[in-house]
Amino acid sequence: MAENLDKNLAETGSERSDQRSELQSPSLVAIFLPAGRAAFPDHELQQHEKIARRLASLKGLEYGGIYSAPEPLISAYVMPTETLDREMAEALGIRSEDDFFGGVVPSNFAATKAITHPLVSTNAIAPEGWCTLFPQLVGDSVLAGFTTFSRKDALRAGTVLLRQGGLRLKPVKARGGVGQAVIRDQAELERKLVSLDEDIPAGLVLGSVDIQDSHFA
């Protein structure tokens, strides 16, 4: 994911990116936890800290803790808690794979489960850069479902899935099942979707489930 970062980010001419000197070697490993995210599970953060400390030891650096400001941390080898989009990587001063431990994607949605399901129709709303081929390639490896970026398309996708049984709504940015809901009928689907904005920029996945399974009873 980090390939061509040096070329792509250097061309932006960002002053913030230039704050990281190409001649300055990192002296510490720091975890980047983006501000404004939903509560980050303690056990996940602990795992990130263990990995960061191990990285620091392997690289002969100090462990620098956690920071959240979207700006370069001079002399730090950055370990993000999530895949970065190109804009955030630029803000952090990341210019190549030598600056961080993680991944970078062209657009925010590309780092989420949204990419694993197709749109509900050819005229459905999709963000710039959406790839129609990838969901086809991985379709046999995931449950049947759709990715939607508008309430109208979510209703259409949910209606299709309900004809086959139940469905699960999955906000693509949520962790550990937070925000998910199992839907059993059309009325329940409409009640759930009415609380959403018409546009869903981050995306909403609707996947099929077996509502007869006792796990969903």
N, C-alpha and C. Protein backbone atom coordinates (compact mmCIF):
# COMPACT_ATOMS: atom_id res chain seq x y z
N MET A 1 0.82 -1.21 0.00
CA MET A 1 0.00 0.00 0.00
C MET A 1 0.86 1.27 0.00
N ALA A 2 2.10 1.14 0.53
CA ALA A 2 2.91 2.33 0.67
C ALA A 2 3.70 2.67 -0.58
N GLU A 3 3.61 1.81 -1.63
CA GLU A 3 4.40 2.06 -2.82
C GLU A 3 3.99 3.38 -3.47
N ASN A 4 4.99 4.03 -4.03
CA ASN A 4 4.80 5.31 -4.71
C ASN A 4 4.42 6.45 -3.79
N LEU A 5 4.47 6.23 -2.46
CA LEU A 5 4.14 7.31 -1.53
C LEU A 5 5.09 8.48 -1.69
N ASP A 6 6.40 8.17 -1.83
CA ASP A 6 7.38 9.25 -1.90
C ASP A 6 7.05 10.19 -3.06
N LYS A 7 6.72 9.62 -4.21
CA LYS A 7 6.40 10.44 -5.38
C LYS A 7 5.08 11.17 -5.20
N ASN A 8 4.05 10.46 -4.77
CA ASN A 8 2.72 11.05 -4.66
C ASN A 8 2.65 12.17 -3.63
N LEU A 9 3.30 11.97 -2.48
CA LEU A 9 3.20 12.97 -1.42
C LEU A 9 4.18 14.11 -1.62
N ALA A 10 5.34 13.82 -2.20
CA ALA A 10 6.32 14.88 -2.41
C ALA A 10 5.79 15.91 -3.39
N GLU A 11 4.98 15.46 -4.35
CA GLU A 11 4.47 16.36 -5.37
C GLU A 11 3.46 17.36 -4.83
N THR A 12 2.92 17.11 -3.63
CA THR A 12 1.92 18.03 -3.09
C THR A 12 2.54 19.34 -2.64
N GLY A 13 3.83 19.32 -2.34
CA GLY A 13 4.48 20.55 -1.88
C GLY A 13 4.01 20.98 -0.52
N SER A 14 3.49 20.07 0.27
CA SER A 14 2.97 20.43 1.59
C SER A 14 4.06 20.91 2.51
N GLU A 15 3.85 22.09 3.13
CA GLU A 15 4.82 22.60 4.08
C GLU A 15 4.91 21.71 5.31
N ARG A 16 3.76 21.11 5.69
CA ARG A 16 3.78 20.25 6.86
C ARG A 16 4.63 19.02 6.60
N SER A 17 4.55 18.45 5.40
CA SER A 17 5.36 17.30 5.09
C SER A 17 6.84 17.66 5.08
N ASP A 18 7.16 18.88 4.63
CA ASP A 18 8.55 19.29 4.55
C ASP A 18 9.19 19.46 5.91
N GLN A 19 8.37 19.51 6.98
CA GLN A 19 8.93 19.66 8.32
C GLN A 19 9.74 18.44 8.73
N ARG A 20 9.49 17.30 8.11
CA ARG A 20 10.27 16.11 8.41
C ARG A 20 11.49 16.10 7.51
N SER A 21 12.63 16.31 8.03
CA SER A 21 13.85 16.37 7.24
C SER A 21 14.21 15.00 6.70
N GLU A 22 14.53 14.92 5.42
CA GLU A 22 14.92 13.66 4.82
C GLU A 22 16.25 13.18 5.38
N LEU A 23 17.01 14.05 6.00
CA LEU A 23 18.31 13.69 6.53
C LEU A 23 18.25 13.31 8.00
N GLN A 24 17.10 13.48 8.62
CA GLN A 24 16.97 13.23 10.05
C GLN A 24 16.44 11.84 10.30
N SER A 25 17.24 11.03 11.00
CA SER A 25 16.81 9.67 11.31
C SER A 25 15.89 9.70 12.52
N PRO A 26 14.89 8.80 12.56
CA PRO A 26 13.99 8.77 13.71
C PRO A 26 14.72 8.35 14.97
N SER A 27 14.27 8.90 16.09
CA SER A 27 14.87 8.55 17.37
C SER A 27 13.88 7.81 18.27
N LEU A 28 12.62 7.76 17.84
CA LEU A 28 11.61 7.07 18.65
C LEU A 28 10.50 6.52 17.77
N VAL A 29 9.75 5.58 18.33
CA VAL A 29 8.57 5.03 17.69
C VAL A 29 7.35 5.57 18.43
N ALA A 30 6.42 6.19 17.70
CA ALA A 30 5.23 6.78 18.32
C ALA A 30 3.97 6.23 17.66
N ILE A 31 2.97 5.95 18.47
CA ILE A 31 1.68 5.50 17.97
C ILE A 31 0.82 6.71 17.62
N PHE A 32 0.23 6.68 16.42
CA PHE A 32 -0.70 7.74 16.04
C PHE A 32 -2.12 7.21 16.17
N LEU A 33 -2.89 7.77 17.11
CA LEU A 33 -4.29 7.44 17.34
C LEU A 33 -5.12 8.65 16.93
N PRO A 34 -5.79 8.63 15.77
CA PRO A 34 -6.51 9.81 15.29
C PRO A 34 -7.52 10.34 16.30
N ALA A 35 -7.53 11.64 16.50
CA ALA A 35 -8.50 12.26 17.41
C ALA A 35 -9.89 12.18 16.80
N GLY A 36 -10.91 12.14 17.67
CA GLY A 36 -12.27 12.15 17.20
C GLY A 36 -12.82 10.81 16.81
N ARG A 37 -12.03 9.76 16.93
CA ARG A 37 -12.53 8.42 16.62
C ARG A 37 -13.40 7.92 17.78
N ALA A 38 -14.25 6.96 17.49
CA ALA A 38 -15.05 6.33 18.54
C ALA A 38 -14.11 5.70 19.55
N ALA A 39 -14.61 5.45 20.75
CA ALA A 39 -13.78 4.89 21.82
C ALA A 39 -12.97 3.71 21.31
N PHE A 40 -11.67 3.78 21.52
CA PHE A 40 -10.77 2.74 21.05
C PHE A 40 -10.66 1.67 22.13
N PRO A 41 -10.95 0.41 21.82
CA PRO A 41 -10.93 -0.65 22.84
C PRO A 41 -9.57 -0.73 23.54
N ASP A 42 -9.60 -0.85 24.86
CA ASP A 42 -8.36 -0.90 25.63
C ASP A 42 -7.46 -2.04 25.19
N HIS A 43 -8.06 -3.20 24.94
CA HIS A 43 -7.22 -4.36 24.59
C HIS A 43 -6.52 -4.16 23.25
N GLU A 44 -7.17 -3.44 22.32
CA GLU A 44 -6.53 -3.16 21.04
C GLU A 44 -5.38 -2.17 21.22
N LEU A 45 -5.62 -1.16 22.04
CA LEU A 45 -4.56 -0.18 22.28
C LEU A 45 -3.36 -0.83 22.96
N GLN A 46 -3.62 -1.74 23.87
CA GLN A 46 -2.54 -2.46 24.53
C GLN A 46 -1.71 -3.27 23.54
N GLN A 47 -2.40 -3.87 22.56
CA GLN A 47 -1.69 -4.63 21.54
C GLN A 47 -0.83 -3.70 20.67
N HIS A 48 -1.36 -2.53 20.34
CA HIS A 48 -0.58 -1.56 19.57
C HIS A 48 0.66 -1.12 20.36
N GLU A 49 0.49 -0.92 21.64
CA GLU A 49 1.62 -0.51 22.46
C GLU A 49 2.69 -1.59 22.51
N LYS A 50 2.28 -2.84 22.62
CA LYS A 50 3.24 -3.94 22.63
C LYS A 50 4.02 -4.00 21.32
N ILE A 51 3.30 -3.83 20.21
CA ILE A 51 3.95 -3.87 18.90
C ILE A 51 4.91 -2.69 18.75
N ALA A 52 4.47 -1.50 19.18
CA ALA A 52 5.31 -0.30 19.07
C ALA A 52 6.58 -0.45 19.90
N ARG A 53 6.45 -0.97 21.09
CA ARG A 53 7.64 -1.18 21.95
C ARG A 53 8.59 -2.21 21.32
N ARG A 54 8.00 -3.24 20.72
CA ARG A 54 8.83 -4.25 20.06
C ARG A 54 9.54 -3.65 18.86
N LEU A 55 8.84 -2.84 18.07
CA LEU A 55 9.45 -2.16 16.94
C LEU A 55 10.61 -1.27 17.38
N ALA A 56 10.36 -0.53 18.45
CA ALA A 56 11.40 0.35 18.98
C ALA A 56 12.64 -0.44 19.37
N SER A 57 12.42 -1.58 20.01
CA SER A 57 13.54 -2.41 20.42
C SER A 57 14.30 -2.94 19.21
N LEU A 58 13.58 -3.41 18.20
CA LEU A 58 14.21 -3.96 17.00
C LEU A 58 15.00 -2.90 16.23
N LYS A 59 14.50 -1.66 16.25
CA LYS A 59 15.13 -0.60 15.49
C LYS A 59 16.15 0.20 16.32
N GLY A 60 16.28 -0.16 17.58
CA GLY A 60 17.20 0.55 18.44
C GLY A 60 16.75 1.96 18.78
N LEU A 61 15.43 2.15 18.90
CA LEU A 61 14.86 3.47 19.18
C LEU A 61 14.14 3.45 20.52
N GLU A 62 13.71 4.64 20.96
CA GLU A 62 12.91 4.76 22.17
C GLU A 62 11.44 4.63 21.82
N TYR A 63 10.63 4.21 22.77
CA TYR A 63 9.18 4.22 22.59
C TYR A 63 8.67 5.59 23.01
N GLY A 64 7.95 6.27 22.12
CA GLY A 64 7.54 7.66 22.37
C GLY A 64 6.11 7.86 22.80
N GLY A 65 5.35 6.76 23.00
CA GLY A 65 3.98 6.92 23.47
C GLY A 65 2.98 7.15 22.34
N ILE A 66 1.85 7.76 22.69
CA ILE A 66 0.72 7.94 21.78
C ILE A 66 0.47 9.43 21.53
N TYR A 67 0.19 9.79 20.29
CA TYR A 67 -0.21 11.17 20.01
C TYR A 67 -1.35 11.17 19.01
N SER A 68 -2.12 12.26 18.99
CA SER A 68 -3.34 12.31 18.18
C SER A 68 -3.41 13.50 17.23
N ALA A 69 -2.52 14.47 17.39
CA ALA A 69 -2.57 15.66 16.53
C ALA A 69 -2.16 15.29 15.10
N PRO A 70 -2.95 15.65 14.08
CA PRO A 70 -2.64 15.32 12.69
C PRO A 70 -1.56 16.24 12.12
N GLU A 71 -0.36 16.11 12.64
CA GLU A 71 0.76 16.93 12.20
C GLU A 71 2.04 16.13 12.36
N PRO A 72 3.11 16.50 11.67
CA PRO A 72 4.34 15.73 11.76
C PRO A 72 4.90 15.70 13.19
N LEU A 73 5.37 14.55 13.59
CA LEU A 73 6.08 14.42 14.85
C LEU A 73 7.54 14.20 14.47
N ILE A 74 8.30 15.28 14.55
CA ILE A 74 9.68 15.25 14.07
C ILE A 74 10.47 14.18 14.80
N SER A 75 11.30 13.47 14.05
CA SER A 75 12.19 12.41 14.54
C SER A 75 11.45 11.16 15.00
N ALA A 76 10.17 11.00 14.60
CA ALA A 76 9.42 9.82 15.00
C ALA A 76 9.20 8.87 13.82
N TYR A 77 9.31 7.59 14.12
CA TYR A 77 8.87 6.54 13.22
C TYR A 77 7.43 6.24 13.64
N VAL A 78 6.46 6.52 12.77
CA VAL A 78 5.05 6.53 13.15
C VAL A 78 4.41 5.16 12.97
N MET A 79 3.62 4.75 13.97
CA MET A 79 2.83 3.53 13.86
C MET A 79 1.36 3.90 14.03
N PRO A 80 0.61 4.08 12.94
CA PRO A 80 -0.81 4.44 13.04
C PRO A 80 -1.64 3.26 13.56
N THR A 81 -2.74 3.58 14.22
CA THR A 81 -3.64 2.53 14.71
C THR A 81 -4.58 2.05 13.61
N GLU A 82 -4.54 2.68 12.45
CA GLU A 82 -5.39 2.28 11.34
C GLU A 82 -4.72 2.67 10.03
N THR A 83 -5.19 2.09 8.95
CA THR A 83 -4.67 2.45 7.63
C THR A 83 -4.99 3.92 7.35
N LEU A 84 -4.03 4.63 6.80
CA LEU A 84 -4.18 6.06 6.55
C LEU A 84 -4.62 6.31 5.11
N ASP A 85 -5.39 7.39 4.91
CA ASP A 85 -5.60 7.82 3.55
C ASP A 85 -4.47 8.79 3.19
N ARG A 86 -4.37 9.13 1.92
CA ARG A 86 -3.23 9.93 1.46
C ARG A 86 -3.17 11.29 2.13
N GLU A 87 -4.35 11.89 2.37
CA GLU A 87 -4.39 13.21 2.99
C GLU A 87 -3.82 13.18 4.40
N MET A 88 -4.19 12.15 5.18
CA MET A 88 -3.69 12.05 6.54
C MET A 88 -2.20 11.74 6.55
N ALA A 89 -1.75 10.90 5.64
CA ALA A 89 -0.32 10.59 5.57
C ALA A 89 0.48 11.85 5.30
N GLU A 90 -0.03 12.68 4.41
CA GLU A 90 0.64 13.95 4.11
C GLU A 90 0.69 14.85 5.36
N ALA A 91 -0.44 14.92 6.08
CA ALA A 91 -0.49 15.76 7.27
C ALA A 91 0.51 15.31 8.33
N LEU A 92 0.76 14.00 8.38
CA LEU A 92 1.70 13.46 9.37
C LEU A 92 3.15 13.58 8.92
N GLY A 93 3.35 14.06 7.71
CA GLY A 93 4.72 14.20 7.21
C GLY A 93 5.29 12.91 6.68
N ILE A 94 4.45 11.93 6.40
CA ILE A 94 4.91 10.63 5.90
C ILE A 94 5.16 10.74 4.40
N ARG A 95 6.40 10.45 4.00
CA ARG A 95 6.78 10.60 2.60
C ARG A 95 7.13 9.27 1.94
N SER A 96 7.45 8.28 2.71
CA SER A 96 7.80 6.98 2.14
C SER A 96 7.59 5.89 3.19
N GLU A 97 7.78 4.63 2.78
CA GLU A 97 7.62 3.51 3.70
C GLU A 97 8.66 3.53 4.81
N ASP A 98 9.69 4.34 4.67
CA ASP A 98 10.71 4.43 5.72
C ASP A 98 10.23 5.25 6.92
N ASP A 99 9.12 5.95 6.79
CA ASP A 99 8.65 6.87 7.83
C ASP A 99 7.61 6.26 8.77
N PHE A 100 7.08 5.08 8.42
CA PHE A 100 5.99 4.58 9.24
C PHE A 100 5.83 3.07 9.11
N PHE A 101 5.06 2.49 10.04
CA PHE A 101 4.74 1.07 10.04
C PHE A 101 3.23 0.96 9.87
N GLY A 102 2.79 0.66 8.63
CA GLY A 102 1.36 0.63 8.37
C GLY A 102 1.10 0.67 6.88
N GLY A 103 -0.06 1.20 6.51
CA GLY A 103 -0.44 1.26 5.11
C GLY A 103 -1.11 2.57 4.77
N VAL A 104 -1.08 2.92 3.49
CA VAL A 104 -1.72 4.14 2.98
C VAL A 104 -2.55 3.77 1.75
N VAL A 105 -3.75 4.30 1.68
CA VAL A 105 -4.63 4.06 0.53
C VAL A 105 -5.02 5.41 -0.07
N PRO A 106 -5.42 5.41 -1.34
CA PRO A 106 -5.75 6.68 -2.00
C PRO A 106 -6.94 7.41 -1.38
N SER A 107 -7.94 6.64 -0.93
CA SER A 107 -9.16 7.23 -0.38
C SER A 107 -9.54 6.52 0.92
N ASN A 108 -10.23 7.24 1.79
CA ASN A 108 -10.58 6.71 3.10
C ASN A 108 -11.37 5.42 3.04
N PHE A 109 -12.33 5.32 2.14
CA PHE A 109 -13.19 4.14 2.10
C PHE A 109 -12.41 2.87 1.74
N ALA A 110 -11.27 3.04 1.06
CA ALA A 110 -10.50 1.88 0.61
C ALA A 110 -9.85 1.12 1.75
N ALA A 111 -9.84 1.71 2.94
CA ALA A 111 -9.25 1.05 4.10
C ALA A 111 -10.30 0.30 4.93
N THR A 112 -11.52 0.21 4.44
CA THR A 112 -12.61 -0.37 5.21
C THR A 112 -13.22 -1.58 4.51
N LYS A 113 -14.15 -2.23 5.23
CA LYS A 113 -14.86 -3.38 4.66
C LYS A 113 -15.76 -3.00 3.50
N ALA A 114 -15.93 -1.71 3.25
CA ALA A 114 -16.81 -1.26 2.16
C ALA A 114 -16.39 -1.83 0.82
N ILE A 115 -15.10 -2.03 0.61
CA ILE A 115 -14.62 -2.44 -0.72
C ILE A 115 -14.93 -3.90 -1.05
N THR A 116 -15.39 -4.68 -0.05
CA THR A 116 -15.58 -6.11 -0.29
C THR A 116 -16.95 -6.47 -0.86
N HIS A 117 -17.85 -5.50 -0.94
CA HIS A 117 -19.20 -5.78 -1.45
C HIS A 117 -19.52 -4.85 -2.63
N PRO A 118 -20.34 -5.31 -3.55
CA PRO A 118 -20.71 -4.48 -4.70
C PRO A 118 -21.76 -3.44 -4.33
N LEU A 119 -21.96 -2.50 -5.23
CA LEU A 119 -23.07 -1.55 -5.11
C LEU A 119 -24.36 -2.28 -5.48
N VAL A 120 -25.48 -1.73 -5.06
CA VAL A 120 -26.75 -2.40 -5.30
C VAL A 120 -27.22 -2.27 -6.74
N SER A 121 -26.71 -1.29 -7.47
CA SER A 121 -27.08 -1.12 -8.87
C SER A 121 -26.01 -0.30 -9.58
N THR A 122 -26.07 -0.27 -10.89
CA THR A 122 -25.08 0.48 -11.66
C THR A 122 -25.21 1.98 -11.49
N ASN A 123 -26.39 2.45 -11.08
CA ASN A 123 -26.58 3.89 -10.88
C ASN A 123 -26.56 4.29 -9.41
N ALA A 124 -26.12 3.39 -8.54
CA ALA A 124 -26.02 3.71 -7.11
C ALA A 124 -24.90 4.73 -6.88
N ILE A 125 -25.05 5.51 -5.82
CA ILE A 125 -24.04 6.51 -5.47
C ILE A 125 -22.77 5.82 -5.00
N ALA A 126 -21.63 6.32 -5.47
CA ALA A 126 -20.34 5.76 -5.06
C ALA A 126 -19.31 6.88 -5.00
N PRO A 127 -18.32 6.76 -4.12
CA PRO A 127 -17.29 7.80 -4.03
C PRO A 127 -16.34 7.74 -5.21
N GLU A 128 -15.65 8.82 -5.43
CA GLU A 128 -14.65 8.86 -6.49
C GLU A 128 -13.58 7.81 -6.23
N GLY A 129 -13.23 7.07 -7.25
CA GLY A 129 -12.22 6.04 -7.09
C GLY A 129 -12.78 4.66 -6.79
N TRP A 130 -14.10 4.54 -6.71
CA TRP A 130 -14.71 3.25 -6.41
C TRP A 130 -14.36 2.23 -7.50
N CYS A 131 -13.99 1.01 -7.07
CA CYS A 131 -13.62 -0.06 -7.99
C CYS A 131 -14.74 -1.10 -8.04
N THR A 132 -15.32 -1.30 -9.19
CA THR A 132 -16.40 -2.29 -9.32
C THR A 132 -15.87 -3.71 -9.45
N LEU A 133 -14.61 -3.86 -9.84
CA LEU A 133 -14.05 -5.19 -10.08
C LEU A 133 -13.70 -5.93 -8.79
N PHE A 134 -13.16 -5.21 -7.80
CA PHE A 134 -12.67 -5.89 -6.60
C PHE A 134 -13.75 -6.71 -5.88
N PRO A 135 -14.96 -6.18 -5.65
CA PRO A 135 -15.99 -6.99 -5.00
C PRO A 135 -16.30 -8.29 -5.76
N GLN A 136 -16.18 -8.25 -7.09
CA GLN A 136 -16.40 -9.45 -7.87
C GLN A 136 -15.31 -10.49 -7.62
N LEU A 137 -14.09 -10.01 -7.46
CA LEU A 137 -12.95 -10.92 -7.26
C LEU A 137 -12.99 -11.61 -5.91
N VAL A 138 -13.52 -10.93 -4.89
CA VAL A 138 -13.52 -11.51 -3.54
C VAL A 138 -14.90 -12.01 -3.12
N GLY A 139 -15.86 -11.99 -4.04
CA GLY A 139 -17.23 -12.33 -3.70
C GLY A 139 -17.41 -13.70 -3.08
N ASP A 140 -16.60 -14.68 -3.50
CA ASP A 140 -16.72 -16.03 -2.96
C ASP A 140 -16.15 -16.16 -1.55
N SER A 141 -15.47 -15.14 -1.09
CA SER A 141 -14.81 -15.21 0.22
C SER A 141 -15.57 -14.45 1.31
N VAL A 142 -16.64 -13.76 0.96
CA VAL A 142 -17.39 -12.97 1.93
C VAL A 142 -18.87 -13.31 1.83
N LEU A 143 -19.63 -12.96 2.86
CA LEU A 143 -21.07 -13.16 2.82
C LEU A 143 -21.70 -12.26 1.76
N ALA A 144 -22.84 -12.69 1.24
CA ALA A 144 -23.56 -11.88 0.27
C ALA A 144 -23.96 -10.55 0.91
N GLY A 145 -23.90 -9.49 0.13
CA GLY A 145 -24.27 -8.18 0.67
C GLY A 145 -23.98 -7.07 -0.30
N PHE A 146 -24.19 -5.83 0.17
CA PHE A 146 -23.97 -4.64 -0.65
C PHE A 146 -23.31 -3.56 0.20
N THR A 147 -22.59 -2.67 -0.48
CA THR A 147 -22.08 -1.47 0.15
C THR A 147 -22.87 -0.28 -0.40
N THR A 148 -23.30 0.59 0.49
CA THR A 148 -24.11 1.73 0.07
C THR A 148 -23.54 3.03 0.62
N PHE A 149 -23.80 4.12 -0.10
CA PHE A 149 -23.32 5.43 0.32
C PHE A 149 -24.46 6.45 0.37
N SER A 150 -25.69 5.96 0.38
CA SER A 150 -26.84 6.84 0.54
C SER A 150 -27.97 6.04 1.21
N ARG A 151 -28.86 6.75 1.87
CA ARG A 151 -29.98 6.09 2.54
C ARG A 151 -30.89 5.41 1.51
N LYS A 152 -31.08 6.05 0.36
CA LYS A 152 -31.93 5.49 -0.69
C LYS A 152 -31.38 4.16 -1.18
N ASP A 153 -30.07 4.11 -1.41
CA ASP A 153 -29.46 2.86 -1.87
C ASP A 153 -29.45 1.80 -0.77
N ALA A 154 -29.31 2.23 0.48
CA ALA A 154 -29.34 1.28 1.60
C ALA A 154 -30.71 0.63 1.70
N LEU A 155 -31.77 1.41 1.48
CA LEU A 155 -33.13 0.87 1.52
C LEU A 155 -33.33 -0.13 0.38
N ARG A 156 -32.82 0.22 -0.78
CA ARG A 156 -32.95 -0.69 -1.93
C ARG A 156 -32.19 -1.99 -1.69
N ALA A 157 -30.97 -1.87 -1.17
CA ALA A 157 -30.16 -3.06 -0.90
C ALA A 157 -30.78 -3.92 0.18
N GLY A 158 -31.28 -3.28 1.23
CA GLY A 158 -31.91 -4.02 2.31
C GLY A 158 -33.15 -4.76 1.86
N THR A 159 -33.92 -4.15 0.99
CA THR A 159 -35.13 -4.79 0.47
C THR A 159 -34.78 -6.05 -0.31
N VAL A 160 -33.71 -5.99 -1.09
CA VAL A 160 -33.25 -7.16 -1.84
C VAL A 160 -32.84 -8.28 -0.90
N LEU A 161 -32.06 -7.95 0.13
CA LEU A 161 -31.56 -8.97 1.05
C LEU A 161 -32.67 -9.58 1.90
N LEU A 162 -33.67 -8.78 2.25
CA LEU A 162 -34.77 -9.30 3.07
C LEU A 162 -35.60 -10.34 2.32
N ARG A 163 -35.58 -10.30 1.02
CA ARG A 163 -36.29 -11.33 0.25
C ARG A 163 -35.62 -12.69 0.41
N GLN A 164 -34.35 -12.67 0.83
CA GLN A 164 -33.59 -13.91 0.98
C GLN A 164 -33.47 -14.34 2.45
N GLY A 165 -33.95 -13.49 3.37
CA GLY A 165 -33.85 -13.79 4.80
C GLY A 165 -33.64 -12.52 5.60
N GLY A 166 -32.71 -12.56 6.56
CA GLY A 166 -32.41 -11.37 7.35
C GLY A 166 -31.17 -10.67 6.84
N LEU A 167 -30.82 -9.57 7.48
CA LEU A 167 -29.62 -8.85 7.09
C LEU A 167 -29.00 -8.15 8.30
N ARG A 168 -27.76 -7.78 8.16
CA ARG A 168 -27.05 -7.06 9.21
C ARG A 168 -26.54 -5.74 8.65
N LEU A 169 -26.83 -4.65 9.34
CA LEU A 169 -26.28 -3.34 8.99
C LEU A 169 -24.92 -3.19 9.67
N LYS A 170 -23.92 -2.75 8.92
CA LYS A 170 -22.57 -2.63 9.46
C LYS A 170 -21.96 -1.29 9.09
N PRO A 171 -21.92 -0.32 10.00
CA PRO A 171 -21.18 0.92 9.73
C PRO A 171 -19.71 0.55 9.51
N VAL A 172 -19.12 1.00 8.42
CA VAL A 172 -17.81 0.49 8.05
C VAL A 172 -16.68 0.97 8.97
N LYS A 173 -16.90 2.04 9.71
CA LYS A 173 -15.86 2.55 10.60
C LYS A 173 -15.93 1.96 12.01
N ALA A 174 -17.00 1.24 12.30
CA ALA A 174 -17.18 0.70 13.66
C ALA A 174 -16.22 -0.46 13.91
N ARG A 175 -15.89 -0.66 15.19
CA ARG A 175 -15.00 -1.75 15.60
C ARG A 175 -15.74 -2.74 16.48
N GLY A 176 -15.37 -4.01 16.37
CA GLY A 176 -15.87 -5.02 17.28
C GLY A 176 -17.38 -5.17 17.29
N GLY A 177 -18.02 -4.90 16.17
CA GLY A 177 -19.47 -5.08 16.10
C GLY A 177 -20.28 -3.90 16.61
N VAL A 178 -19.60 -2.84 17.08
CA VAL A 178 -20.32 -1.68 17.60
C VAL A 178 -21.14 -1.03 16.48
N GLY A 179 -22.39 -0.71 16.77
CA GLY A 179 -23.24 -0.05 15.80
C GLY A 179 -23.93 -0.97 14.82
N GLN A 180 -23.61 -2.26 14.86
CA GLN A 180 -24.26 -3.20 13.96
C GLN A 180 -25.67 -3.53 14.45
N ALA A 181 -26.53 -3.91 13.52
CA ALA A 181 -27.91 -4.26 13.87
C ALA A 181 -28.41 -5.34 12.93
N VAL A 182 -29.07 -6.34 13.49
CA VAL A 182 -29.70 -7.39 12.68
C VAL A 182 -31.13 -6.96 12.36
N ILE A 183 -31.48 -6.98 11.09
CA ILE A 183 -32.80 -6.55 10.61
C ILE A 183 -33.57 -7.77 10.11
N ARG A 184 -34.82 -7.88 10.56
CA ARG A 184 -35.61 -9.06 10.23
C ARG A 184 -36.77 -8.80 9.26
N ASP A 185 -37.18 -7.54 9.13
CA ASP A 185 -38.30 -7.27 8.22
C ASP A 185 -38.19 -5.84 7.67
N GLN A 186 -39.04 -5.52 6.71
CA GLN A 186 -38.99 -4.24 6.01
C GLN A 186 -39.25 -3.06 6.95
N ALA A 187 -40.22 -3.22 7.84
CA ALA A 187 -40.54 -2.13 8.75
C ALA A 187 -39.35 -1.81 9.65
N GLU A 188 -38.66 -2.84 10.12
CA GLU A 188 -37.49 -2.64 10.98
C GLU A 188 -36.37 -1.96 10.21
N LEU A 189 -36.22 -2.34 8.95
CA LEU A 189 -35.21 -1.72 8.10
C LEU A 189 -35.48 -0.23 7.94
N GLU A 190 -36.71 0.12 7.64
CA GLU A 190 -37.06 1.52 7.42
C GLU A 190 -36.90 2.34 8.70
N ARG A 191 -37.25 1.76 9.84
CA ARG A 191 -37.07 2.48 11.13
C ARG A 191 -35.59 2.74 11.39
N LYS A 192 -34.76 1.77 11.07
CA LYS A 192 -33.33 1.92 11.32
C LYS A 192 -32.70 2.95 10.39
N LEU A 193 -33.11 2.95 9.15
CA LEU A 193 -32.48 3.84 8.18
C LEU A 193 -32.94 5.29 8.30
N VAL A 194 -34.12 5.51 8.86
CA VAL A 194 -34.65 6.87 8.94
C VAL A 194 -33.76 7.76 9.81
N SER A 195 -32.99 7.15 10.70
CA SER A 195 -32.11 7.93 11.59
C SER A 195 -30.82 8.35 10.90
N LEU A 196 -30.58 7.84 9.69
CA LEU A 196 -29.35 8.15 8.97
C LEU A 196 -29.53 9.37 8.07
N ASP A 197 -28.44 10.07 7.79
CA ASP A 197 -28.48 11.14 6.81
C ASP A 197 -28.71 10.54 5.43
N GLU A 198 -29.18 11.37 4.51
CA GLU A 198 -29.41 10.89 3.15
C GLU A 198 -28.10 10.42 2.52
N ASP A 199 -27.04 11.18 2.74
CA ASP A 199 -25.72 10.77 2.25
C ASP A 199 -24.97 10.06 3.37
N ILE A 200 -24.27 8.98 3.00
CA ILE A 200 -23.49 8.21 3.97
C ILE A 200 -22.06 8.14 3.42
N PRO A 201 -21.27 9.21 3.59
CA PRO A 201 -19.95 9.28 2.96
C PRO A 201 -19.02 8.13 3.33
N ALA A 202 -19.05 7.69 4.58
CA ALA A 202 -18.14 6.63 5.01
C ALA A 202 -18.57 5.27 4.49
N GLY A 203 -19.85 5.12 4.18
CA GLY A 203 -20.37 3.86 3.67
C GLY A 203 -21.08 3.05 4.73
N LEU A 204 -22.02 2.24 4.28
CA LEU A 204 -22.77 1.32 5.14
C LEU A 204 -22.87 -0.01 4.41
N VAL A 205 -22.43 -1.08 5.09
CA VAL A 205 -22.50 -2.42 4.51
C VAL A 205 -23.76 -3.11 5.01
N LEU A 206 -24.47 -3.74 4.11
CA LEU A 206 -25.62 -4.57 4.44
C LEU A 206 -25.31 -5.98 4.01
N GLY A 207 -25.21 -6.90 4.98
CA GLY A 207 -24.85 -8.27 4.67
C GLY A 207 -25.93 -9.24 5.09
N SER A 208 -26.04 -10.33 4.38
CA SER A 208 -27.07 -11.32 4.69
C SER A 208 -26.71 -12.11 5.94
N VAL A 209 -27.74 -12.50 6.71
CA VAL A 209 -27.55 -13.37 7.87
C VAL A 209 -28.69 -14.39 7.90
N ASP A 210 -28.44 -15.49 8.59
CA ASP A 210 -29.47 -16.49 8.79
C ASP A 210 -30.19 -16.18 10.10
N ILE A 211 -31.39 -15.61 10.02
CA ILE A 211 -32.08 -15.20 11.24
C ILE A 211 -32.61 -16.38 12.03
N GLN A 212 -32.55 -17.59 11.46
CA GLN A 212 -32.95 -18.78 12.20
C GLN A 212 -31.83 -19.27 13.11
N ASP A 213 -30.61 -18.77 12.85
CA ASP A 213 -29.48 -19.12 13.69
C ASP A 213 -29.74 -18.61 15.10
N SER A 214 -29.56 -19.45 16.11
CA SER A 214 -29.85 -19.07 17.49
C SER A 214 -29.01 -17.90 17.96
N HIS A 215 -27.87 -17.67 17.29
CA HIS A 215 -27.01 -16.56 17.68
C HIS A 215 -27.70 -15.22 17.47
N PHE A 216 -28.68 -15.18 16.54
CA PHE A 216 -29.35 -13.93 16.21
C PHE A 216 -30.77 -13.89 16.75
N ALA A 217 -31.15 -14.87 17.50
CA ALA A 217 -32.52 -14.94 18.02
C ALA A 217 -32.77 -13.86 19.05
